[in-house]
Amino acid sequence: MPSDDAQPVEPIRQSRQEWKQAFAQMHEAGDDEPILDGPTTEFDEEEWAW
């Protein structure tokens, strides 16, 4: 049980709070292409959805 002088510690905001908006802005700007320019794997070609 916390003491009477205990102060709760809480985050100022939720983690990843603005990510959805940031990714939408990246998409609108055409800045959402994969950054890896190396060889692909079978998983990349057949299973991964870009």
PDB file of N, CA and C in Angstrom:
ATOM      1  N   MET A   1       0.845  -1.179   0.000  1.00  0.00           N
ATOM      2  CA  MET A   1       0.000   0.000   0.000  1.00  0.00           C
ATOM      3  C   MET A   1       0.893   1.246   0.000  1.00  0.00           C
ATOM      4  N   PRO A   2       0.645   2.193  -0.926  1.00  0.00           N
ATOM      5  CA  PRO A   2       1.473   3.388  -0.987  1.00  0.00           C
ATOM      6  C   PRO A   2       1.264   4.273   0.237  1.00  0.00           C
ATOM      7  N   SER A   3       2.301   5.005   0.559  1.00  0.00           N
ATOM      8  CA  SER A   3       2.188   5.933   1.689  1.00  0.00           C
ATOM      9  C   SER A   3       1.417   7.179   1.257  1.00  0.00           C
ATOM     10  N   ASP A   4       1.027   7.995   2.217  1.00  0.00           N
ATOM     11  CA  ASP A   4       0.243   9.200   1.924  1.00  0.00           C
ATOM     12  C   ASP A   4       1.017  10.213   1.085  1.00  0.00           C
ATOM     13  N   ASP A   5       2.340  10.198   1.148  1.00  0.00           N
ATOM     14  CA  ASP A   5       3.124  11.167   0.388  1.00  0.00           C
ATOM     15  C   ASP A   5       3.659  10.608  -0.928  1.00  0.00           C
ATOM     16  N   ALA A   6       3.192   9.438  -1.329  1.00  0.00           N
ATOM     17  CA  ALA A   6       3.637   8.831  -2.587  1.00  0.00           C
ATOM     18  C   ALA A   6       3.078   9.621  -3.770  1.00  0.00           C
ATOM     19  N   GLN A   7       3.881   9.735  -4.818  1.00  0.00           N
ATOM     20  CA  GLN A   7       3.450  10.412  -6.032  1.00  0.00           C
ATOM     21  C   GLN A   7       3.425   9.401  -7.167  1.00  0.00           C
ATOM     22  N   PRO A   8       2.284   9.237  -7.812  1.00  0.00           N
ATOM     23  CA  PRO A   8       2.211   8.267  -8.913  1.00  0.00           C
ATOM     24  C   PRO A   8       3.058   8.721 -10.100  1.00  0.00           C
ATOM     25  N   VAL A   9       3.636   7.778 -10.795  1.00  0.00           N
ATOM     26  CA  VAL A   9       4.429   8.062 -11.987  1.00  0.00           C
ATOM     27  C   VAL A   9       3.617   7.578 -13.177  1.00  0.00           C
ATOM     28  N   GLU A  10       3.291   8.501 -14.056  1.00  0.00           N
ATOM     29  CA  GLU A  10       2.484   8.176 -15.226  1.00  0.00           C
ATOM     30  C   GLU A  10       3.110   8.816 -16.460  1.00  0.00           C
ATOM     31  N   PRO A  11       2.971   8.173 -17.615  1.00  0.00           N
ATOM     32  CA  PRO A  11       3.517   8.779 -18.835  1.00  0.00           C
ATOM     33  C   PRO A  11       2.752  10.052 -19.191  1.00  0.00           C
ATOM     34  N   ILE A  12       3.439  10.982 -19.817  1.00  0.00           N
ATOM     35  CA  ILE A  12       2.802  12.226 -20.253  1.00  0.00           C
ATOM     36  C   ILE A  12       1.821  11.945 -21.381  1.00  0.00           C
ATOM     37  N   ARG A  13       2.180  11.020 -22.237  1.00  0.00           N
ATOM     38  CA  ARG A  13       1.305  10.643 -23.348  1.00  0.00           C
ATOM     39  C   ARG A  13       1.501   9.161 -23.647  1.00  0.00           C
ATOM     40  N   GLN A  14       0.618   8.620 -24.449  1.00  0.00           N
ATOM     41  CA  GLN A  14       0.691   7.218 -24.834  1.00  0.00           C
ATOM     42  C   GLN A  14       1.854   6.998 -25.803  1.00  0.00           C
ATOM     43  N   SER A  15       2.496   5.861 -25.704  1.00  0.00           N
ATOM     44  CA  SER A  15       3.542   5.505 -26.662  1.00  0.00           C
ATOM     45  C   SER A  15       2.938   5.408 -28.056  1.00  0.00           C
ATOM     46  N   ARG A  16       3.682   5.842 -29.026  1.00  0.00           N
ATOM     47  CA  ARG A  16       3.292   5.768 -30.441  1.00  0.00           C
ATOM     48  C   ARG A  16       1.982   6.507 -30.727  1.00  0.00           C
ATOM     49  N   GLN A  17       1.686   7.520 -29.944  1.00  0.00           N
ATOM     50  CA  GLN A  17       0.412   8.223 -30.040  1.00  0.00           C
ATOM     51  C   GLN A  17       0.186   8.837 -31.425  1.00  0.00           C
ATOM     52  N   GLU A  18       1.205   9.445 -32.008  1.00  0.00           N
ATOM     53  CA  GLU A  18       1.018  10.113 -33.304  1.00  0.00           C
ATOM     54  C   GLU A  18       1.507   9.292 -34.495  1.00  0.00           C
ATOM     55  N   TRP A  19       1.822   8.038 -34.307  1.00  0.00           N
ATOM     56  CA  TRP A  19       2.385   7.241 -35.399  1.00  0.00           C
ATOM     57  C   TRP A  19       1.441   7.119 -36.580  1.00  0.00           C
ATOM     58  N   LYS A  20       0.171   6.870 -36.341  1.00  0.00           N
ATOM     59  CA  LYS A  20      -0.774   6.684 -37.442  1.00  0.00           C
ATOM     60  C   LYS A  20      -0.809   7.927 -38.324  1.00  0.00           C
ATOM     61  N   GLN A  21      -0.867   9.100 -37.712  1.00  0.00           N
ATOM     62  CA  GLN A  21      -0.872  10.351 -38.463  1.00  0.00           C
ATOM     63  C   GLN A  21       0.449  10.558 -39.203  1.00  0.00           C
ATOM     64  N   ALA A  22       1.554  10.246 -38.546  1.00  0.00           N
ATOM     65  CA  ALA A  22       2.863  10.427 -39.179  1.00  0.00           C
ATOM     66  C   ALA A  22       3.012   9.513 -40.395  1.00  0.00           C
ATOM     67  N   PHE A  23       2.565   8.273 -40.286  1.00  0.00           N
ATOM     68  CA  PHE A  23       2.662   7.356 -41.423  1.00  0.00           C
ATOM     69  C   PHE A  23       1.738   7.797 -42.556  1.00  0.00           C
ATOM     70  N   ALA A  24       0.575   8.347 -42.233  1.00  0.00           N
ATOM     71  CA  ALA A  24      -0.321   8.863 -43.267  1.00  0.00           C
ATOM     72  C   ALA A  24       0.338  10.023 -44.007  1.00  0.00           C
ATOM     73  N   GLN A  25       1.003  10.913 -43.262  1.00  0.00           N
ATOM     74  CA  GLN A  25       1.700  12.035 -43.894  1.00  0.00           C
ATOM     75  C   GLN A  25       2.846  11.538 -44.780  1.00  0.00           C
ATOM     76  N   MET A  26       3.563  10.526 -44.323  1.00  0.00           N
ATOM     77  CA  MET A  26       4.639   9.958 -45.136  1.00  0.00           C
ATOM     78  C   MET A  26       4.080   9.401 -46.440  1.00  0.00           C
ATOM     79  N   HIS A  27       2.952   8.709 -46.347  1.00  0.00           N
ATOM     80  CA  HIS A  27       2.344   8.121 -47.542  1.00  0.00           C
ATOM     81  C   HIS A  27       1.926   9.217 -48.525  1.00  0.00           C
ATOM     82  N   GLU A  28       1.287  10.266 -48.009  1.00  0.00           N
ATOM     83  CA  GLU A  28       0.867  11.374 -48.874  1.00  0.00           C
ATOM     84  C   GLU A  28       2.055  12.032 -49.562  1.00  0.00           C
ATOM     85  N   ALA A  29       3.194  12.075 -48.890  1.00  0.00           N
ATOM     86  CA  ALA A  29       4.394  12.695 -49.455  1.00  0.00           C
ATOM     87  C   ALA A  29       5.189  11.730 -50.336  1.00  0.00           C
ATOM     88  N   GLY A  30       4.725  10.470 -50.441  1.00  0.00           N
ATOM     89  CA  GLY A  30       5.452   9.485 -51.241  1.00  0.00           C
ATOM     90  C   GLY A  30       6.720   9.009 -50.564  1.00  0.00           C
ATOM     91  N   ASP A  31       6.764   9.142 -49.264  1.00  0.00           N
ATOM     92  CA  ASP A  31       7.968   8.794 -48.503  1.00  0.00           C
ATOM     93  C   ASP A  31       7.772   7.517 -47.690  1.00  0.00           C
ATOM     94  N   ASP A  32       7.049   6.558 -48.254  1.00  0.00           N
ATOM     95  CA  ASP A  32       6.791   5.327 -47.514  1.00  0.00           C
ATOM     96  C   ASP A  32       7.264   4.081 -48.265  1.00  0.00           C
ATOM     97  N   GLU A  33       8.240   4.256 -49.105  1.00  0.00           N
ATOM     98  CA  GLU A  33       8.814   3.116 -49.825  1.00  0.00           C
ATOM     99  C   GLU A  33       9.827   2.406 -48.922  1.00  0.00           C
ATOM    100  N   PRO A  34      10.005   1.103 -49.121  1.00  0.00           N
ATOM    101  CA  PRO A  34      11.009   0.372 -48.331  1.00  0.00           C
ATOM    102  C   PRO A  34      12.390   1.005 -48.500  1.00  0.00           C
ATOM    103  N   ILE A  35      13.140   1.059 -47.422  1.00  0.00           N
ATOM    104  CA  ILE A  35      14.469   1.672 -47.487  1.00  0.00           C
ATOM    105  C   ILE A  35      15.576   0.650 -47.708  1.00  0.00           C
ATOM    106  N   LEU A  36      15.252  -0.610 -47.638  1.00  0.00           N
ATOM    107  CA  LEU A  36      16.260  -1.646 -47.863  1.00  0.00           C
ATOM    108  C   LEU A  36      16.432  -1.851 -49.357  1.00  0.00           C
ATOM    109  N   ASP A  37      17.667  -1.857 -49.799  1.00  0.00           N
ATOM    110  CA  ASP A  37      17.932  -2.000 -51.225  1.00  0.00           C
ATOM    111  C   ASP A  37      18.774  -3.250 -51.497  1.00  0.00           C
ATOM    112  N   GLY A  38      18.648  -4.234 -50.639  1.00  0.00           N
ATOM    113  CA  GLY A  38      19.440  -5.448 -50.791  1.00  0.00           C
ATOM    114  C   GLY A  38      18.639  -6.574 -51.407  1.00  0.00           C
ATOM    115  N   PRO A  39      19.228  -7.740 -51.426  1.00  0.00           N
ATOM    116  CA  PRO A  39      18.535  -8.893 -51.981  1.00  0.00           C
ATOM    117  C   PRO A  39      17.312  -9.261 -51.130  1.00  0.00           C
ATOM    118  N   THR A  40      16.314  -9.786 -51.786  1.00  0.00           N
ATOM    119  CA  THR A  40      15.106 -10.203 -51.086  1.00  0.00           C
ATOM    120  C   THR A  40      15.153 -11.703 -50.816  1.00  0.00           C
ATOM    121  N   THR A  41      14.287 -12.135 -49.934  1.00  0.00           N
ATOM    122  CA  THR A  41      14.173 -13.559 -49.615  1.00  0.00           C
ATOM    123  C   THR A  41      12.843 -14.084 -50.129  1.00  0.00           C
ATOM    124  N   GLU A  42      12.663 -15.376 -50.059  1.00  0.00           N
ATOM    125  CA  GLU A  42      11.392 -15.982 -50.462  1.00  0.00           C
ATOM    126  C   GLU A  42      10.255 -15.412 -49.611  1.00  0.00           C
ATOM    127  N   PHE A  43      10.518 -15.220 -48.315  1.00  0.00           N
ATOM    128  CA  PHE A  43       9.505 -14.633 -47.440  1.00  0.00           C
ATOM    129  C   PHE A  43       9.112 -13.247 -47.939  1.00  0.00           C
ATOM    130  N   ASP A  44      10.100 -12.423 -48.301  1.00  0.00           N
ATOM    131  CA  ASP A  44       9.809 -11.079 -48.792  1.00  0.00           C
ATOM    132  C   ASP A  44       8.916 -11.129 -50.032  1.00  0.00           C
ATOM    133  N   GLU A  45       9.230 -12.014 -50.934  1.00  0.00           N
ATOM    134  CA  GLU A  45       8.526 -12.073 -52.210  1.00  0.00           C
ATOM    135  C   GLU A  45       7.131 -12.676 -52.106  1.00  0.00           C
ATOM    136  N   GLU A  46       6.951 -13.672 -51.244  1.00  0.00           N
ATOM    137  CA  GLU A  46       5.688 -14.418 -51.243  1.00  0.00           C
ATOM    138  C   GLU A  46       4.761 -14.106 -50.074  1.00  0.00           C
ATOM    139  N   GLU A  47       5.316 -13.728 -48.923  1.00  0.00           N
ATOM    140  CA  GLU A  47       4.469 -13.611 -47.742  1.00  0.00           C
ATOM    141  C   GLU A  47       4.332 -12.184 -47.221  1.00  0.00           C
ATOM    142  N   TRP A  48       5.359 -11.386 -47.340  1.00  0.00           N
ATOM    143  CA  TRP A  48       5.331 -10.050 -46.762  1.00  0.00           C
ATOM    144  C   TRP A  48       4.491  -9.122 -47.622  1.00  0.00           C
ATOM    145  N   ALA A  49       3.644  -8.310 -47.007  1.00  0.00           N
ATOM    146  CA  ALA A  49       2.827  -7.336 -47.742  1.00  0.00           C
ATOM    147  C   ALA A  49       3.409  -5.955 -47.499  1.00  0.00           C
ATOM    148  N   TRP A  50       3.920  -5.324 -48.554  1.00  0.00           N
ATOM    149  CA  TRP A  50       4.482  -3.979 -48.440  1.00  0.00           C
ATOM    150  C   TRP A  50       3.393  -2.972 -48.578  1.00  0.00           C
TER     151      TRP A  50
END
